Amino acid sequence: MDNLLATARKDPSLLLRHPIYVHLDKPTSHGWKFWSAATTQDGITLRWARYGQKAQEHVLTTGRCRCASPFEELRYRVLDKLRKGYQPDMSKSKLPSV
Protein backbone atom coordinates (compact mmCIF):
# COMPACT_ATOMS: atom_id res chain seq x y z
CA MET A 1 0.00 0.00 0.00
CA ASP A 2 2.85 2.40 0.80
CA ASN A 3 4.51 1.69 -2.57
CA LEU A 4 1.20 2.41 -4.27
CA LEU A 5 0.84 5.67 -2.34
CA ALA A 6 4.37 6.77 -3.26
CA THR A 7 3.70 6.04 -6.93
CA ALA A 8 0.39 7.92 -6.80
CA ARG A 9 2.11 10.97 -5.32
CA LYS A 10 4.52 11.02 -8.27
CA ASP A 11 1.81 10.28 -10.83
CA PRO A 12 -1.64 11.56 -9.74
CA SER A 13 -3.20 10.30 -12.99
CA LEU A 14 -2.63 6.73 -11.74
CA LEU A 15 -6.04 6.99 -10.05
CA LEU A 16 -7.74 7.66 -13.38
CA ARG A 17 -5.98 4.79 -15.13
CA HIS A 18 -6.20 2.25 -12.30
CA PRO A 19 -9.03 2.72 -9.76
CA ILE A 20 -8.46 0.88 -6.48
CA TYR A 21 -11.03 -1.32 -4.73
CA VAL A 22 -10.36 -2.81 -1.28
CA HIS A 23 -12.71 -5.37 0.28
CA LEU A 24 -12.37 -6.36 3.95
CA ASP A 25 -14.34 -8.91 6.00
CA LYS A 26 -14.74 -9.31 9.75
CA PRO A 27 -16.27 -12.18 11.72
CA THR A 28 -18.52 -11.14 14.61
CA SER A 29 -20.69 -13.01 17.10
CA HIS A 30 -23.68 -12.19 14.86
CA GLY A 31 -22.09 -13.26 11.57
CA TRP A 32 -19.72 -11.71 9.08
CA LYS A 33 -19.67 -8.10 8.01
CA PHE A 34 -17.80 -6.34 5.24
CA TRP A 35 -16.30 -2.95 4.55
CA SER A 36 -15.11 -1.75 1.16
CA ALA A 37 -13.59 1.35 -0.38
CA ALA A 38 -13.17 2.36 -4.00
CA THR A 39 -11.22 5.30 -5.37
CA THR A 40 -12.81 7.34 -8.11
CA GLN A 41 -11.67 10.38 -10.06
CA ASP A 42 -13.85 12.46 -7.72
CA GLY A 43 -12.82 10.93 -4.37
CA ILE A 44 -13.59 7.72 -2.51
CA THR A 45 -16.72 5.61 -2.02
CA LEU A 46 -17.14 3.62 1.22
CA ARG A 47 -19.62 0.76 1.70
CA TRP A 48 -20.30 -1.44 4.73
CA ALA A 49 -22.89 -3.88 6.06
CA ARG A 50 -23.46 -7.28 7.58
CA TYR A 51 -23.72 -9.95 4.91
CA GLY A 52 -27.35 -10.40 3.90
CA GLN A 53 -28.30 -6.82 4.77
CA LYS A 54 -28.48 -3.70 2.64
CA ALA A 55 -25.15 -1.87 2.54
CA GLN A 56 -24.70 1.70 3.67
CA GLU A 57 -22.69 3.96 1.40
CA HIS A 58 -20.79 7.18 1.98
CA VAL A 59 -18.97 9.24 -0.65
CA LEU A 60 -16.08 11.55 0.18
CA THR A 61 -15.11 14.06 -2.47
CA THR A 62 -11.40 14.66 -3.04
CA GLY A 63 -11.59 17.93 -1.10
CA ARG A 64 -12.80 16.05 2.00
CA CYS A 65 -10.09 13.36 1.79
CA ARG A 66 -6.91 13.54 3.88
CA CYS A 67 -4.42 15.82 2.14
CA ALA A 68 -7.01 16.12 -0.66
CA SER A 69 -5.88 12.64 -1.77
CA PRO A 70 -8.19 9.63 -2.20
CA PHE A 71 -5.08 7.41 -1.86
CA GLU A 72 -4.17 8.93 1.53
CA GLU A 73 -7.78 8.56 2.71
CA LEU A 74 -7.95 4.95 1.52
CA ARG A 75 -4.66 4.05 3.23
CA TYR A 76 -5.73 5.63 6.53
CA ARG A 77 -9.12 3.92 6.57
CA VAL A 78 -7.82 0.49 5.50
CA LEU A 79 -5.14 0.53 8.21
CA ASP A 80 -7.78 1.54 10.78
CA LYS A 81 -10.04 -1.36 9.77
CA LEU A 82 -7.13 -3.84 9.83
CA ARG A 83 -6.32 -2.72 13.40
CA LYS A 84 -9.96 -3.42 14.29
CA GLY A 85 -9.73 -7.04 13.10
CA TYR A 86 -10.93 -6.84 9.51
CA GLN A 87 -9.29 -9.24 7.07
CA PRO A 88 -8.50 -8.42 3.43
CA ASP A 89 -10.30 -10.44 0.77
CA MET A 90 -7.85 -10.28 -2.12
CA SER A 91 -10.18 -12.26 -4.39
CA LYS A 92 -12.54 -9.25 -4.37
CA SER A 93 -9.98 -6.43 -4.04
CA LYS A 94 -8.37 -4.76 -7.06
CA LEU A 95 -4.99 -3.09 -6.59
CA PRO A 96 -2.83 -1.88 -9.47
CA SER A 97 0.66 -3.34 -9.61
CA VAL A 98 3.38 -0.72 -9.26
C-alpha atoms as a PDB file:
ATOM      1  CA  MET A   1       0.000   0.000   0.000  1.00  0.00           C
ATOM      2  CA  ASP A   2       2.854   2.396   0.803  1.00  0.00           C
ATOM      3  CA  ASN A   3       4.511   1.693  -2.571  1.00  0.00           C
ATOM      4  CA  LEU A   4       1.204   2.407  -4.269  1.00  0.00           C
ATOM      5  CA  LEU A   5       0.838   5.667  -2.335  1.00  0.00           C
ATOM      6  CA  ALA A   6       4.366   6.774  -3.258  1.00  0.00           C
ATOM      7  CA  THR A   7       3.696   6.040  -6.928  1.00  0.00           C
ATOM      8  CA  ALA A   8       0.388   7.924  -6.796  1.00  0.00           C
ATOM      9  CA  ARG A   9       2.114  10.972  -5.316  1.00  0.00           C
ATOM     10  CA  LYS A  10       4.520  11.018  -8.266  1.00  0.00           C
ATOM     11  CA  ASP A  11       1.815  10.275 -10.828  1.00  0.00           C
ATOM     12  CA  PRO A  12      -1.640  11.557  -9.744  1.00  0.00           C
ATOM     13  CA  SER A  13      -3.200  10.305 -12.990  1.00  0.00           C
ATOM     14  CA  LEU A  14      -2.629   6.728 -11.737  1.00  0.00           C
ATOM     15  CA  LEU A  15      -6.039   6.992 -10.050  1.00  0.00           C
ATOM     16  CA  LEU A  16      -7.738   7.656 -13.376  1.00  0.00           C
ATOM     17  CA  ARG A  17      -5.980   4.787 -15.134  1.00  0.00           C
ATOM     18  CA  HIS A  18      -6.204   2.247 -12.296  1.00  0.00           C
ATOM     19  CA  PRO A  19      -9.029   2.717  -9.757  1.00  0.00           C
ATOM     20  CA  ILE A  20      -8.461   0.876  -6.479  1.00  0.00           C
ATOM     21  CA  TYR A  21     -11.028  -1.320  -4.735  1.00  0.00           C
ATOM     22  CA  VAL A  22     -10.360  -2.813  -1.285  1.00  0.00           C
ATOM     23  CA  HIS A  23     -12.713  -5.367   0.280  1.00  0.00           C
ATOM     24  CA  LEU A  24     -12.369  -6.362   3.952  1.00  0.00           C
ATOM     25  CA  ASP A  25     -14.338  -8.905   5.998  1.00  0.00           C
ATOM     26  CA  LYS A  26     -14.736  -9.314   9.752  1.00  0.00           C
ATOM     27  CA  PRO A  27     -16.274 -12.183  11.719  1.00  0.00           C
ATOM     28  CA  THR A  28     -18.517 -11.141  14.613  1.00  0.00           C
ATOM     29  CA  SER A  29     -20.685 -13.014  17.096  1.00  0.00           C
ATOM     30  CA  HIS A  30     -23.680 -12.187  14.858  1.00  0.00           C
ATOM     31  CA  GLY A  31     -22.090 -13.264  11.570  1.00  0.00           C
ATOM     32  CA  TRP A  32     -19.722 -11.713   9.083  1.00  0.00           C
ATOM     33  CA  LYS A  33     -19.673  -8.101   8.013  1.00  0.00           C
ATOM     34  CA  PHE A  34     -17.803  -6.345   5.244  1.00  0.00           C
ATOM     35  CA  TRP A  35     -16.298  -2.951   4.553  1.00  0.00           C
ATOM     36  CA  SER A  36     -15.114  -1.747   1.157  1.00  0.00           C
ATOM     37  CA  ALA A  37     -13.595   1.351  -0.375  1.00  0.00           C
ATOM     38  CA  ALA A  38     -13.171   2.364  -4.002  1.00  0.00           C
ATOM     39  CA  THR A  39     -11.225   5.296  -5.368  1.00  0.00           C
ATOM     40  CA  THR A  40     -12.808   7.345  -8.115  1.00  0.00           C
ATOM     41  CA  GLN A  41     -11.669  10.379 -10.059  1.00  0.00           C
ATOM     42  CA  ASP A  42     -13.847  12.460  -7.721  1.00  0.00           C
ATOM     43  CA  GLY A  43     -12.817  10.934  -4.368  1.00  0.00           C
ATOM     44  CA  ILE A  44     -13.586   7.720  -2.512  1.00  0.00           C
ATOM     45  CA  THR A  45     -16.723   5.613  -2.024  1.00  0.00           C
ATOM     46  CA  LEU A  46     -17.136   3.624   1.215  1.00  0.00           C
ATOM     47  CA  ARG A  47     -19.617   0.756   1.696  1.00  0.00           C
ATOM     48  CA  TRP A  48     -20.298  -1.438   4.729  1.00  0.00           C
ATOM     49  CA  ALA A  49     -22.893  -3.884   6.060  1.00  0.00           C
ATOM     50  CA  ARG A  50     -23.460  -7.283   7.577  1.00  0.00           C
ATOM     51  CA  TYR A  51     -23.724  -9.947   4.915  1.00  0.00           C
ATOM     52  CA  GLY A  52     -27.346 -10.397   3.900  1.00  0.00           C
ATOM     53  CA  GLN A  53     -28.301  -6.815   4.774  1.00  0.00           C
ATOM     54  CA  LYS A  54     -28.483  -3.697   2.641  1.00  0.00           C
ATOM     55  CA  ALA A  55     -25.152  -1.872   2.540  1.00  0.00           C
ATOM     56  CA  GLN A  56     -24.704   1.699   3.670  1.00  0.00           C
ATOM     57  CA  GLU A  57     -22.687   3.960   1.404  1.00  0.00           C
ATOM     58  CA  HIS A  58     -20.790   7.184   1.979  1.00  0.00           C
ATOM     59  CA  VAL A  59     -18.971   9.240  -0.653  1.00  0.00           C
ATOM     60  CA  LEU A  60     -16.082  11.555   0.181  1.00  0.00           C
ATOM     61  CA  THR A  61     -15.113  14.056  -2.473  1.00  0.00           C
ATOM     62  CA  THR A  62     -11.401  14.658  -3.039  1.00  0.00           C
ATOM     63  CA  GLY A  63     -11.594  17.926  -1.105  1.00  0.00           C
ATOM     64  CA  ARG A  64     -12.801  16.054   1.996  1.00  0.00           C
ATOM     65  CA  CYS A  65     -10.090  13.364   1.788  1.00  0.00           C
ATOM     66  CA  ARG A  66      -6.914  13.544   3.878  1.00  0.00           C
ATOM     67  CA  CYS A  67      -4.416  15.823   2.140  1.00  0.00           C
ATOM     68  CA  ALA A  68      -7.011  16.119  -0.658  1.00  0.00           C
ATOM     69  CA  SER A  69      -5.882  12.642  -1.771  1.00  0.00           C
ATOM     70  CA  PRO A  70      -8.189   9.627  -2.203  1.00  0.00           C
ATOM     71  CA  PHE A  71      -5.082   7.409  -1.862  1.00  0.00           C
ATOM     72  CA  GLU A  72      -4.171   8.925   1.530  1.00  0.00           C
ATOM     73  CA  GLU A  73      -7.780   8.558   2.707  1.00  0.00           C
ATOM     74  CA  LEU A  74      -7.947   4.949   1.516  1.00  0.00           C
ATOM     75  CA  ARG A  75      -4.665   4.053   3.229  1.00  0.00           C
ATOM     76  CA  TYR A  76      -5.733   5.627   6.532  1.00  0.00           C
ATOM     77  CA  ARG A  77      -9.116   3.919   6.565  1.00  0.00           C
ATOM     78  CA  VAL A  78      -7.823   0.494   5.499  1.00  0.00           C
ATOM     79  CA  LEU A  79      -5.142   0.527   8.214  1.00  0.00           C
ATOM     80  CA  ASP A  80      -7.775   1.537  10.777  1.00  0.00           C
ATOM     81  CA  LYS A  81     -10.039  -1.359   9.767  1.00  0.00           C
ATOM     82  CA  LEU A  82      -7.128  -3.837   9.834  1.00  0.00           C
ATOM     83  CA  ARG A  83      -6.318  -2.716  13.396  1.00  0.00           C
ATOM     84  CA  LYS A  84      -9.961  -3.424  14.286  1.00  0.00           C
ATOM     85  CA  GLY A  85      -9.732  -7.038  13.100  1.00  0.00           C
ATOM     86  CA  TYR A  86     -10.930  -6.837   9.509  1.00  0.00           C
ATOM     87  CA  GLN A  87      -9.292  -9.239   7.066  1.00  0.00           C
ATOM     88  CA  PRO A  88      -8.501  -8.418   3.428  1.00  0.00           C
ATOM     89  CA  ASP A  89     -10.298 -10.440   0.768  1.00  0.00           C
ATOM     90  CA  MET A  90      -7.848 -10.279  -2.115  1.00  0.00           C
ATOM     91  CA  SER A  91     -10.180 -12.256  -4.387  1.00  0.00           C
ATOM     92  CA  LYS A  92     -12.540  -9.249  -4.367  1.00  0.00           C
ATOM     93  CA  SER A  93      -9.981  -6.426  -4.041  1.00  0.00           C
ATOM     94  CA  LYS A  94      -8.372  -4.756  -7.059  1.00  0.00           C
ATOM     95  CA  LEU A  95      -4.993  -3.088  -6.593  1.00  0.00           C
ATOM     96  CA  PRO A  96      -2.826  -1.881  -9.470  1.00  0.00           C
ATOM     97  CA  SER A  97       0.661  -3.341  -9.612  1.00  0.00           C
ATOM     98  CA  VAL A  98       3.384  -0.723  -9.257  1.00  0.00           C
END
